[in-house]
Amino acid sequence: MHSPKFAIGIKEIQGLRHLSESQVLVKLKEVEEQNRNLFALDLGSLRRSLELLPWVRTATVRRMWPDRLMIQITERVPIAFARIDNSTQLVDEDGILLESKSVGLPNFDFPVLMGLESGFDTELLARNRKRIELYRRLMKDLDENGAGLSSDLSEVHLQDSGSISVVLNDDSVLVHLGAEHFQQRFRRYIAMSREIKQKYQLLESVDLRFENQVVVSAANEKIASSSGN
């Protein structure tokens, strides 16, 4: 427990892609300050501390005698951007916010999610997970049968009621898709968009949640159409 032979001499950190090594070393230093001996090092405390880092999904810590400490990090996988408090952050499938700095963000090609909340409260995280589940259903549905329509998305708006709205690339119209039949409704908007944009020059939103009705909002007016287009 006290022999210098078993003092930590070699530190191997594996699995880092987005998380910096310096962030891991800061956590390790906090534990080393209590004891640098490999026998006495509290591996459980170090693992729990590492898993508090936003990018870390799981951490595995092992001793390799006589003086080697092995740390294996499994990082979270980003699936979208999230716009929160006028900043853009990456978010993973659990609704965990991963990044608040702009450096490195352009390396990802994701739509921007609106409607997620910032924080670590249990109920808040549960709400974010439900919104993320809805977003993943949307993406899966839009890409079903090789359609690949998810690449046309610029923004995805997530509501507490379980409804979803989108904005397409190079477009400004908010398209309400509801909670089902995403690809069908998405294609419906694409088919009618040119015609309704010509008819309503200040088009703001199109609501496709109703089976036999399209609700169009444009510059201080709302128009309901029973058209089956």
Protein backbone atom coordinates (compact mmCIF):
# COMPACT_ATOMS: atom_id res chain seq x y z
CA MET A 1 0.00 0.00 0.00
CA HIS A 2 2.97 2.32 0.49
CA SER A 3 5.71 0.89 -1.73
CA PRO A 4 6.89 3.32 -4.45
CA LYS A 5 6.99 0.33 -6.80
CA PHE A 6 3.19 0.48 -7.01
CA ALA A 7 2.86 4.24 -7.44
CA ILE A 8 0.98 5.14 -10.63
CA GLY A 9 3.63 5.58 -13.30
CA ILE A 10 1.82 4.94 -16.59
CA LYS A 11 -1.64 6.23 -17.49
CA GLU A 12 -3.33 4.90 -20.62
CA ILE A 13 -6.53 6.58 -21.75
CA GLN A 14 -8.43 5.04 -24.66
CA GLY A 15 -11.66 5.77 -26.54
CA LEU A 16 -11.41 9.56 -26.77
CA ARG A 17 -12.78 11.24 -29.88
CA HIS A 18 -14.52 14.41 -28.71
CA LEU A 19 -13.63 14.48 -25.02
CA SER A 20 -10.20 15.95 -24.35
CA GLU A 21 -7.54 14.01 -22.46
CA SER A 22 -7.03 16.99 -20.16
CA GLN A 23 -10.62 16.66 -18.89
CA VAL A 24 -9.96 13.04 -17.95
CA LEU A 25 -6.66 13.90 -16.28
CA VAL A 26 -8.35 16.55 -14.13
CA LYS A 27 -10.72 13.91 -12.77
CA LEU A 28 -7.82 11.51 -12.22
CA LYS A 29 -5.81 14.15 -10.39
CA GLU A 30 -8.68 14.68 -7.95
CA VAL A 31 -8.49 11.00 -6.97
CA GLU A 32 -4.69 10.86 -7.04
CA GLU A 33 -4.51 13.68 -4.50
CA GLN A 34 -6.01 11.23 -2.00
CA ASN A 35 -3.62 8.40 -2.89
CA ARG A 36 -1.26 7.72 -5.81
CA ASN A 37 -0.69 4.09 -4.86
CA LEU A 38 -2.28 1.71 -7.40
CA PHE A 39 -3.44 -0.64 -4.63
CA ALA A 40 -5.12 2.13 -2.67
CA LEU A 41 -6.58 4.08 -5.60
CA ASP A 42 -10.39 4.20 -5.40
CA LEU A 43 -11.33 2.93 -8.87
CA GLY A 44 -15.06 3.19 -8.20
CA SER A 45 -14.79 6.85 -7.22
CA LEU A 46 -12.71 7.59 -10.32
CA ARG A 47 -15.19 5.82 -12.61
CA ARG A 48 -18.17 7.69 -11.14
CA SER A 49 -16.31 10.99 -11.45
CA LEU A 50 -15.48 10.33 -15.11
CA GLU A 51 -19.08 9.43 -15.90
CA LEU A 52 -20.16 12.88 -14.74
CA LEU A 53 -18.45 14.37 -17.81
CA PRO A 54 -21.16 15.14 -20.41
CA TRP A 55 -19.45 13.24 -23.26
CA VAL A 56 -18.91 10.07 -21.21
CA ARG A 57 -21.51 7.30 -21.48
CA THR A 58 -19.44 4.73 -19.56
CA ALA A 59 -15.94 4.55 -18.11
CA THR A 60 -13.94 1.43 -17.26
CA VAL A 61 -10.92 1.71 -14.97
CA ARG A 62 -8.38 -1.12 -14.47
CA ARG A 63 -5.09 -1.72 -12.66
CA MET A 64 -2.21 -3.28 -14.60
CA TRP A 65 0.58 -4.25 -12.24
CA PRO A 66 2.89 -2.93 -11.12
CA ASP A 67 2.27 0.72 -12.00
CA ARG A 68 -0.12 1.04 -14.96
CA LEU A 69 -3.62 2.56 -14.83
CA MET A 70 -5.93 1.84 -17.78
CA ILE A 71 -8.96 4.06 -18.49
CA GLN A 72 -11.37 3.10 -21.27
CA ILE A 73 -13.96 5.72 -22.22
CA THR A 74 -17.11 5.03 -24.21
CA GLU A 75 -18.38 8.36 -25.48
CA ARG A 76 -21.94 9.40 -26.14
CA VAL A 77 -22.97 9.58 -29.79
CA PRO A 78 -24.51 12.89 -30.96
CA ILE A 79 -27.64 12.63 -33.10
CA ALA A 80 -28.68 16.29 -33.49
CA PHE A 81 -27.99 19.90 -32.65
CA ALA A 82 -30.14 21.58 -30.01
CA ARG A 83 -30.87 25.30 -29.78
CA ILE A 84 -31.05 26.26 -26.12
CA ASP A 85 -30.78 29.74 -24.62
CA ASN A 86 -29.48 31.25 -27.87
CA SER A 87 -26.65 28.70 -28.08
CA THR A 88 -26.25 25.57 -30.18
CA GLN A 89 -25.23 22.32 -28.52
CA LEU A 90 -24.92 18.70 -29.58
CA VAL A 91 -27.36 16.24 -28.02
CA ASP A 92 -27.34 12.43 -27.82
CA GLU A 93 -30.12 9.84 -27.93
CA ASP A 94 -30.75 10.21 -24.18
CA GLY A 95 -31.30 13.95 -24.48
CA ILE A 96 -27.94 14.73 -22.84
CA LEU A 97 -26.42 18.01 -24.02
CA LEU A 98 -22.84 17.43 -25.11
CA GLU A 99 -21.33 20.61 -26.44
CA SER A 100 -21.68 24.31 -25.77
CA LYS A 101 -18.71 25.59 -27.77
CA SER A 102 -18.90 26.33 -31.48
CA VAL A 103 -15.52 24.66 -32.16
CA GLY A 104 -16.05 21.35 -33.91
CA LEU A 105 -19.80 21.72 -34.38
CA PRO A 106 -19.64 22.18 -38.18
CA ASN A 107 -18.18 18.66 -38.43
CA PHE A 108 -21.67 17.25 -37.93
CA ASP A 109 -24.55 17.39 -40.39
CA PHE A 110 -27.66 17.34 -38.20
CA PRO A 111 -30.90 19.31 -38.09
CA VAL A 112 -31.37 21.73 -35.20
CA LEU A 113 -33.85 20.70 -32.51
CA MET A 114 -36.07 23.30 -30.85
CA GLY A 115 -37.87 22.55 -27.59
CA LEU A 116 -35.27 20.74 -25.47
CA GLU A 117 -34.56 21.98 -21.95
CA SER A 118 -31.20 22.62 -20.30
CA GLY A 119 -30.43 21.02 -16.93
CA PHE A 120 -30.03 17.73 -15.08
CA ASP A 121 -33.28 17.52 -13.13
CA THR A 122 -34.74 14.00 -13.38
CA GLU A 123 -38.12 15.14 -14.69
CA LEU A 124 -36.49 17.51 -17.16
CA LEU A 125 -34.27 14.73 -18.53
CA ALA A 126 -37.32 12.47 -18.84
CA ARG A 127 -39.12 15.12 -20.90
CA ASN A 128 -36.08 15.54 -23.12
CA ARG A 129 -35.87 11.76 -23.68
CA LYS A 130 -39.50 11.69 -24.83
CA ARG A 131 -38.83 14.52 -27.27
CA ILE A 132 -35.73 12.75 -28.56
CA GLU A 133 -37.73 9.53 -29.03
CA LEU A 134 -40.21 11.48 -31.14
CA TYR A 135 -37.37 12.99 -33.17
CA ARG A 136 -35.84 9.54 -33.79
CA ARG A 137 -39.21 8.20 -34.96
CA LEU A 138 -39.43 11.12 -37.36
CA MET A 139 -35.98 10.46 -38.81
CA LYS A 140 -36.62 6.73 -39.14
CA ASP A 141 -39.96 7.30 -40.85
CA LEU A 142 -38.59 9.89 -43.28
CA ASP A 143 -35.79 7.52 -44.33
CA GLU A 144 -37.95 4.39 -44.53
CA ASN A 145 -37.77 2.37 -47.75
CA GLY A 146 -34.68 4.29 -48.81
CA ALA A 147 -36.51 7.62 -49.05
CA GLY A 148 -33.67 9.58 -47.42
CA LEU A 149 -35.93 12.56 -46.71
CA SER A 150 -34.37 13.35 -43.34
CA SER A 151 -31.48 15.08 -45.13
CA ASP A 152 -33.97 17.77 -46.23
CA LEU A 153 -34.55 18.92 -42.64
CA SER A 154 -33.14 22.17 -41.30
CA GLU A 155 -35.08 22.49 -38.03
CA VAL A 156 -37.23 20.15 -35.93
CA HIS A 157 -39.63 21.66 -33.40
CA LEU A 158 -40.62 19.34 -30.53
CA GLN A 159 -43.73 20.06 -28.48
CA ASP A 160 -44.73 18.64 -25.08
CA SER A 161 -48.00 17.36 -26.53
CA GLY A 162 -46.12 14.84 -28.67
CA SER A 163 -46.48 16.84 -31.86
CA ILE A 164 -43.62 17.62 -34.21
CA SER A 165 -43.05 20.40 -36.74
CA VAL A 166 -40.23 20.90 -39.22
CA VAL A 167 -38.57 23.48 -41.43
CA LEU A 168 -36.93 22.27 -44.63
CA ASN A 169 -33.54 23.35 -45.96
CA ASP A 170 -33.70 26.67 -47.83
CA ASP A 171 -37.25 27.20 -46.59
CA SER A 172 -38.86 29.29 -43.85
CA VAL A 173 -42.29 27.64 -43.59
CA LEU A 174 -43.08 25.76 -40.38
CA VAL A 175 -44.70 22.46 -41.37
CA HIS A 176 -46.79 20.75 -38.67
CA LEU A 177 -46.59 16.96 -39.03
CA GLY A 178 -48.19 15.82 -35.77
CA ALA A 179 -47.12 12.51 -34.22
CA GLU A 180 -47.57 9.97 -37.03
CA HIS A 181 -47.53 9.41 -40.80
CA PHE A 182 -44.47 11.64 -41.03
CA GLN A 183 -43.27 10.62 -44.49
CA GLN A 184 -46.75 10.76 -46.00
CA ARG A 185 -47.37 14.25 -44.65
CA PHE A 186 -43.86 15.41 -45.54
CA ARG A 187 -44.33 14.33 -49.15
CA ARG A 188 -47.71 16.01 -49.16
CA TYR A 189 -46.13 19.32 -48.24
CA ILE A 190 -43.42 18.98 -50.89
CA ALA A 191 -46.09 18.29 -53.51
CA MET A 192 -48.14 21.37 -52.63
CA SER A 193 -45.47 23.82 -51.45
CA ARG A 194 -44.86 25.61 -54.75
CA GLU A 195 -48.57 26.17 -55.37
CA ILE A 196 -49.39 27.50 -51.90
CA LYS A 197 -46.30 29.72 -51.83
CA GLN A 198 -47.44 31.31 -55.07
CA LYS A 199 -50.92 31.79 -53.64
CA TYR A 200 -49.80 33.08 -50.22
CA GLN A 201 -46.75 35.31 -50.61
CA LEU A 202 -46.25 35.68 -46.83
CA LEU A 203 -46.71 32.01 -45.95
CA GLU A 204 -45.68 31.21 -42.37
CA SER A 205 -46.93 27.70 -41.60
CA VAL A 206 -48.78 24.72 -43.02
CA ASP A 207 -50.66 22.33 -40.73
CA LEU A 208 -51.02 18.80 -42.11
CA ARG A 209 -52.23 17.07 -38.95
CA PHE A 210 -55.80 16.78 -40.18
CA GLU A 211 -56.75 14.00 -42.57
CA ASN A 212 -58.88 15.98 -45.04
CA GLN A 213 -57.85 19.52 -44.28
CA VAL A 214 -54.82 21.75 -44.66
CA VAL A 215 -54.54 24.82 -42.45
CA VAL A 216 -52.37 27.56 -43.92
CA SER A 217 -51.17 30.56 -41.91
CA ALA A 218 -49.85 33.60 -43.70
CA ALA A 219 -49.24 37.17 -42.55
CA ASN A 220 -51.96 37.70 -39.95
CA GLU A 221 -54.46 35.30 -41.52
CA LYS A 222 -55.30 31.64 -41.21
CA ILE A 223 -56.92 29.75 -44.06
CA ALA A 224 -58.41 26.28 -43.77
CA SER A 225 -58.66 24.27 -46.95
CA SER A 226 -60.43 20.96 -47.44
CA SER A 227 -58.29 20.19 -50.46
CA GLY A 228 -57.06 16.61 -50.60
CA ASN A 229 -53.78 17.58 -52.32
